[in-house]
Structures are given as structure tokens and as C-alpha cells.
């Protein structure tokens, strides 16, 4: 998946949590092997070439493709599991894989789980009694600065996902043109329970632009967001303030 992953795991029986952590790490490596579009022998690459059918792939492939189709439907096509006419579900794979890893650790008994995949974070439980997880949102206009801090207070699960051009340049594609998305935005951060969806929604909203993207995000249940434009304008959804702290 071409990024760095980190884990912060609290509580639970040490041996069980350690075993789950090893399984979670192995699962991330396996996801890269199966879904990478840069590997000629990955199942997704072979599926795109017509060498495999979905039924011949690991069950996770069908699961991810179904989720991607749902994301495309909800976003009215602004999220797409295709690139230049070829199958490419990478826009959903990282969020899905991180969320799956976090849930594996929680199922093993961990009381607080924080899994970070390249800056996109899935949070479950809490790091301690009366202590929420807190996630900084990078300011794309001020390197090293923070635009906001998201708190998980009152939530047993929360995710924070950001799409933008600050670190990777113009890598987000407008699925309607097949070219780099040209918008007034520098970054979109989405706060929602599931990182699988948060990652998709941040990408889709970025491609839409600040006005349409904000209106669409406001229409989604259990979704809050922060949008930063190239003109240093900050826009946010109505309930975001309750998630800051």
C-alpha cells in the first residue's frame, strides 16, 4: 500500500493481544500482496487482466469490490474503483485494511486501539479511563502546524481520514475526466466511525470541490468534516465542533 503503519494498543491479556498484533500486521502485508496495482502477480492486477475471476480470488476481493461499488453509488460516481478504465480499488483498500486490523485487536481483548495508516487513523475504545484518543489534523499551509485536534471523547469507535495534495501532490483523480482533480481544495479531513468509509468520503469530497463537497458531506449520517482551501479558507460541517478537543 506504499505507506507506513503504526499501532498503539492498550489493555487486554498480553499474549492474546500480541498474537492478534502479529496477525494484524500479517493481514496488512497480505492486503498489499492481493490488492497492489503495482505488483504484476497480485490478484487485483490479474483480475484486471482477465486472468482470474472474482470467484477465483480470495474472498476479501469480493468484499472490497462490493464496498467500492457502494461508495461509488453513495458518492454519485465521485469515488470510483477504476482508473483509466482499469480496475483499481486502492482508494478503499487502505481504510478497509486499517479498520480490519484495528477490529482484530479489539476482538482479542484490547481496550484501546489506535491504528494509523499513512495518517489515516482508526480508533477503538480509549487509551485509559476518562482519557480519549486525540488526533492532530495537519495544516496543509503551515508545515508542522495543526489545523485542528480531533477527540474520540464519548465515542467507542472513530476514524480520521484526510485526502489532499500537501504530501503526495496532485494524486487524486476526477473520475469524470480521468485526470487529476482540479478543485479549490488543499485538504479534506473526514471524521466518522468507520475508516473504510471515511477514506472514501474524503477522496470523493476533495474531487467535488469545497462547495459541493461540503454540502454532500453534510448530507451523510455520522460524518463530520474539515475542508481547507488553497485560499486559506476553512469550512466545516455543523457538528464538527463537538469532535474537537
Protein backbone atom coordinates (compact mmCIF):
# COMPACT_ATOMS: atom_id res chain seq x y z
CA UNK A 1 0.00 0.00 0.00
CA UNK A 2 3.05 2.19 -0.15
CA UNK A 3 2.82 3.76 3.29
CA UNK A 4 3.83 3.35 6.93
CA UNK A 5 1.54 1.81 9.56
CA UNK A 6 1.74 2.23 13.32
CA UNK A 7 -0.12 0.67 16.25
CA UNK A 8 -0.92 1.97 19.72
CA UNK A 9 -2.66 -0.81 21.67
CA UNK A 10 -3.77 -0.63 25.31
CA UNK A 11 -5.13 -3.22 27.74
CA UNK A 12 -6.08 -6.84 27.23
CA UNK A 13 -4.26 -10.06 28.04
CA UNK A 14 -0.67 -9.58 26.72
CA UNK A 15 -0.26 -12.91 24.95
CA UNK A 16 -3.63 -12.68 23.21
CA UNK A 17 -3.04 -9.09 22.13
CA UNK A 18 0.49 -9.89 20.93
CA UNK A 19 -0.81 -12.76 18.81
CA UNK A 20 -3.54 -10.51 17.39
CA UNK A 21 -0.98 -7.83 16.60
CA UNK A 22 1.13 -10.31 14.66
CA UNK A 23 -1.99 -11.43 12.79
CA UNK A 24 -2.95 -7.80 12.08
CA UNK A 25 0.48 -6.99 10.66
CA UNK A 26 0.44 -10.13 8.53
CA UNK A 27 -3.03 -9.12 7.30
CA UNK A 28 -1.74 -5.73 6.15
CA UNK A 29 1.08 -7.37 4.23
CA UNK A 30 -1.37 -9.82 2.71
CA UNK A 31 -3.68 -6.99 1.67
CA UNK A 32 -0.80 -5.37 -0.16
CA UNK A 33 0.03 -8.64 -1.93
CA UNK A 34 -3.58 -9.16 -3.00
CA UNK A 35 -4.64 -5.61 -3.91
CA UNK A 36 -1.50 -3.80 -5.10
CA UNK A 37 -1.82 -2.49 -8.65
CA UNK A 38 1.99 -2.21 -8.78
CA UNK A 39 2.50 -5.96 -8.44
CA UNK A 40 2.15 -7.86 -11.69
CA UNK A 41 1.23 -11.01 -9.76
CA UNK A 42 -1.34 -9.52 -7.37
CA UNK A 43 -4.86 -10.89 -7.57
CA UNK A 44 -6.29 -7.47 -8.44
CA UNK A 45 -3.79 -6.99 -11.28
CA UNK A 46 -4.52 -10.47 -12.63
CA UNK A 47 -8.26 -9.84 -12.23
CA UNK A 48 -7.93 -6.62 -14.24
CA UNK A 49 -6.09 -8.52 -16.99
CA UNK A 50 -8.83 -11.14 -17.11
CA UNK A 51 -6.60 -13.92 -15.84
CA UNK A 52 -8.78 -14.51 -12.77
CA UNK A 53 -12.45 -14.21 -11.93
CA UNK A 54 -13.66 -12.70 -8.69
CA UNK A 55 -14.74 -16.18 -7.56
CA UNK A 56 -11.18 -17.41 -8.05
CA UNK A 57 -9.74 -14.64 -5.86
CA UNK A 58 -9.54 -14.55 -2.08
CA UNK A 59 -12.96 -13.77 -0.51
CA UNK A 60 -11.64 -10.36 0.58
CA UNK A 61 -11.51 -9.26 -3.05
CA UNK A 62 -15.26 -9.68 -3.50
CA UNK A 63 -15.82 -7.94 -0.15
CA UNK A 64 -13.72 -4.91 -1.11
CA UNK A 65 -15.25 -4.65 -4.59
CA UNK A 66 -18.76 -4.68 -3.10
CA UNK A 67 -17.76 -1.91 -0.68
CA UNK A 68 -16.23 0.09 -3.53
CA UNK A 69 -19.41 -0.22 -5.58
CA UNK A 70 -21.40 1.05 -2.60
CA UNK A 71 -19.01 4.00 -2.21
CA UNK A 72 -19.41 4.80 -5.90
CA UNK A 73 -23.20 4.71 -5.56
CA UNK A 74 -23.35 6.89 -2.43
CA UNK A 75 -20.94 9.44 -3.93
CA UNK A 76 -22.79 9.55 -7.27
CA UNK A 77 -19.64 8.43 -9.04
CA UNK A 78 -17.18 10.81 -7.40
CA UNK A 79 -15.48 7.80 -5.85
CA UNK A 80 -14.52 5.14 -8.37
CA UNK A 81 -12.80 1.73 -8.12
CA UNK A 82 -11.39 2.22 -11.62
CA UNK A 83 -8.55 4.23 -13.12
CA UNK A 84 -8.19 4.85 -16.86
CA UNK A 85 -10.78 2.15 -17.46
CA UNK A 86 -8.98 -0.49 -15.40
CA UNK A 87 -9.95 -2.00 -12.08
CA UNK A 88 -8.20 -0.11 -9.27
CA UNK A 89 -9.80 -0.36 -5.79
CA UNK A 90 -6.77 1.11 -3.99
CA UNK A 91 -8.80 4.15 -2.92
CA UNK A 92 -10.74 1.97 -0.48
CA UNK A 93 -8.22 -0.75 0.37
CA UNK A 94 -6.08 1.15 2.89
CA UNK A 95 -9.00 2.31 5.02
CA UNK A 96 -10.57 -1.13 4.90
CA UNK A 97 -7.30 -2.86 5.84
CA UNK A 98 -6.58 -0.48 8.73
CA UNK A 99 -10.09 -0.83 10.11
CA UNK A 100 -9.91 -4.62 9.83
CA UNK A 101 -6.59 -4.65 11.71
CA UNK A 102 -8.00 -2.46 14.49
CA UNK A 103 -11.08 -4.64 14.91
CA UNK A 104 -8.92 -7.75 15.11
CA UNK A 105 -7.04 -6.26 18.07
CA UNK A 106 -10.23 -5.17 19.82
CA UNK A 107 -11.68 -8.66 19.36
CA UNK A 108 -8.58 -10.08 21.09
CA UNK A 109 -9.39 -8.04 24.20
CA UNK A 110 -7.53 -4.76 23.70
CA UNK A 111 -9.45 -1.94 25.40
CA UNK A 112 -7.84 0.84 23.40
CA UNK A 113 -6.72 0.57 19.77
CA UNK A 114 -5.19 3.21 17.52
CA UNK A 115 -4.05 2.05 14.07
CA UNK A 116 -2.54 4.68 11.79
CA UNK A 117 -2.04 4.01 8.10
CA UNK A 118 -0.22 6.88 6.43
CA UNK A 119 -2.02 9.48 8.53
CA UNK A 120 -5.47 7.90 8.33
CA UNK A 121 -6.49 6.57 11.73
CA UNK A 122 -8.99 4.06 13.13
CA UNK A 123 -9.70 4.42 16.85
CA UNK A 124 -11.49 1.89 19.04
CA UNK A 125 -12.07 2.12 22.81
CA UNK A 126 -9.86 4.53 24.76
CA UNK A 127 -6.22 4.77 25.88
CA UNK A 128 -7.25 4.96 29.54
CA UNK A 129 -10.05 5.70 31.95
CA UNK A 130 -11.58 9.11 31.20
CA UNK A 131 -8.90 9.66 28.52
CA UNK A 132 -9.94 9.93 24.88
CA UNK A 133 -7.77 9.43 21.83
CA UNK A 134 -6.69 12.73 20.27
CA UNK A 135 -5.63 13.03 16.63
CA UNK A 136 -3.96 16.09 15.14
CA UNK A 137 -5.02 17.28 11.69
CA UNK A 138 -2.07 18.68 9.76
CA UNK A 139 -2.36 22.21 8.37
CA UNK A 140 -1.52 21.97 4.63
CA UNK A 141 -0.49 25.63 4.50
CA UNK A 142 1.79 25.58 7.54
CA UNK A 143 4.21 22.63 7.60
CA UNK A 144 4.45 21.21 11.09
CA UNK A 145 1.32 23.07 12.24
CA UNK A 146 -2.08 21.71 13.17
CA UNK A 147 -5.38 22.82 11.71
CA UNK A 148 -7.39 21.02 14.42
CA UNK A 149 -7.28 18.24 17.01
CA UNK A 150 -9.99 15.58 16.90
CA UNK A 151 -11.06 13.89 20.15
CA UNK A 152 -12.74 10.50 20.50
CA UNK A 153 -14.44 11.54 23.76
CA UNK A 154 -17.83 9.82 24.05
CA UNK A 155 -17.22 7.50 21.09
CA UNK A 156 -16.23 3.85 21.24
CA UNK A 157 -15.12 3.98 17.62
CA UNK A 158 -13.98 6.85 15.47
CA UNK A 159 -11.82 7.37 12.41
CA UNK A 160 -9.99 10.35 10.95
CA UNK A 161 -9.12 10.34 7.25
CA UNK A 162 -7.53 13.10 5.16
CA UNK A 163 -7.24 13.48 1.40
CA UNK A 164 -5.22 16.30 -0.11
CA UNK A 165 -2.24 17.43 -2.13
CA UNK A 166 0.14 18.64 0.60
CA UNK A 167 2.22 15.46 0.89
CA UNK A 168 1.65 13.49 -2.32
CA UNK A 169 0.89 16.26 -4.80
CA UNK A 170 -1.97 16.07 -7.29
CA UNK A 171 -2.64 12.33 -6.99
CA UNK A 172 -6.44 12.44 -6.62
CA UNK A 173 -8.23 11.72 -9.89
CA UNK A 174 -11.54 13.19 -11.03
CA UNK A 175 -13.35 10.02 -12.18
CA UNK A 176 -15.44 12.04 -14.60
CA UNK A 177 -12.42 13.25 -16.60
CA UNK A 178 -9.77 10.65 -15.75
CA UNK A 179 -7.34 13.49 -14.97
CA UNK A 180 -6.08 14.99 -11.71
CA UNK A 181 -8.91 16.64 -9.79
CA UNK A 182 -8.81 20.41 -10.22
CA UNK A 183 -10.55 21.98 -7.23
CA UNK A 184 -10.14 24.87 -4.81
CA UNK A 185 -9.22 22.45 -2.01
CA UNK A 186 -5.91 21.58 -0.38
CA UNK A 187 -7.26 19.05 2.11
CA UNK A 188 -10.43 17.35 3.30
CA UNK A 189 -10.49 15.61 6.68
CA UNK A 190 -13.45 13.33 7.43
CA UNK A 191 -14.37 12.16 10.94
CA UNK A 192 -16.71 9.15 11.06
CA UNK A 193 -16.91 5.80 12.88
CA UNK A 194 -15.54 3.69 10.01
CA UNK A 195 -12.22 4.39 8.27
CA UNK A 196 -13.33 2.27 5.32
CA UNK A 197 -15.94 4.91 4.51
CA UNK A 198 -14.06 7.91 5.87
CA UNK A 199 -11.22 7.35 3.42
CA UNK A 200 -13.66 7.09 0.51
CA UNK A 201 -15.68 10.14 1.52
CA UNK A 202 -12.57 12.32 1.93
CA UNK A 203 -11.38 11.39 -1.56
CA UNK A 204 -14.78 11.93 -3.17
CA UNK A 205 -15.35 15.28 -1.44
CA UNK A 206 -11.91 16.52 -2.49
CA UNK A 207 -12.71 15.75 -6.13
CA UNK A 208 -16.03 17.61 -5.80
CA UNK A 209 -14.52 20.85 -4.51
CA UNK A 210 -15.29 22.81 -1.34
CA UNK A 211 -18.85 23.94 -2.03
CA UNK A 212 -20.32 20.73 -3.44
CA UNK A 213 -18.12 18.56 -1.22
CA UNK A 214 -19.21 20.27 1.98
CA UNK A 215 -22.91 20.07 1.07
CA UNK A 216 -22.57 16.37 0.24
CA UNK A 217 -20.68 15.55 3.45
CA UNK A 218 -23.35 17.38 5.46
CA UNK A 219 -25.94 15.04 3.95
CA UNK A 220 -24.21 11.86 5.16
CA UNK A 221 -25.12 10.35 8.54
CA UNK A 222 -22.46 10.21 11.29
CA UNK A 223 -20.00 12.23 9.21
CA UNK A 224 -18.21 15.44 10.14
CA UNK A 225 -15.52 17.14 8.11
CA UNK A 226 -12.99 19.95 7.86
CA UNK A 227 -12.16 21.42 4.44
CA UNK A 228 -9.22 23.75 3.77
CA UNK A 229 -8.99 25.68 0.50
CA UNK A 230 -5.99 26.99 -1.39
CA UNK A 231 -7.18 30.46 -0.42
CA UNK A 232 -6.66 29.61 3.27
CA UNK A 233 -10.41 29.39 3.85
CA UNK A 234 -11.59 26.80 6.36
CA UNK A 235 -15.05 25.23 6.09
CA UNK A 236 -16.60 22.57 8.28
CA UNK A 237 -19.75 20.58 8.87
CA UNK A 238 -22.22 21.64 11.51
CA UNK A 239 -21.35 19.02 14.14
CA UNK A 240 -17.57 19.08 13.83
CA UNK A 241 -17.07 21.33 16.87
CA UNK A 242 -18.36 18.52 19.11
CA UNK A 243 -15.46 16.33 17.91
CA UNK A 244 -12.67 18.85 18.54
CA UNK A 245 -10.70 18.97 21.76
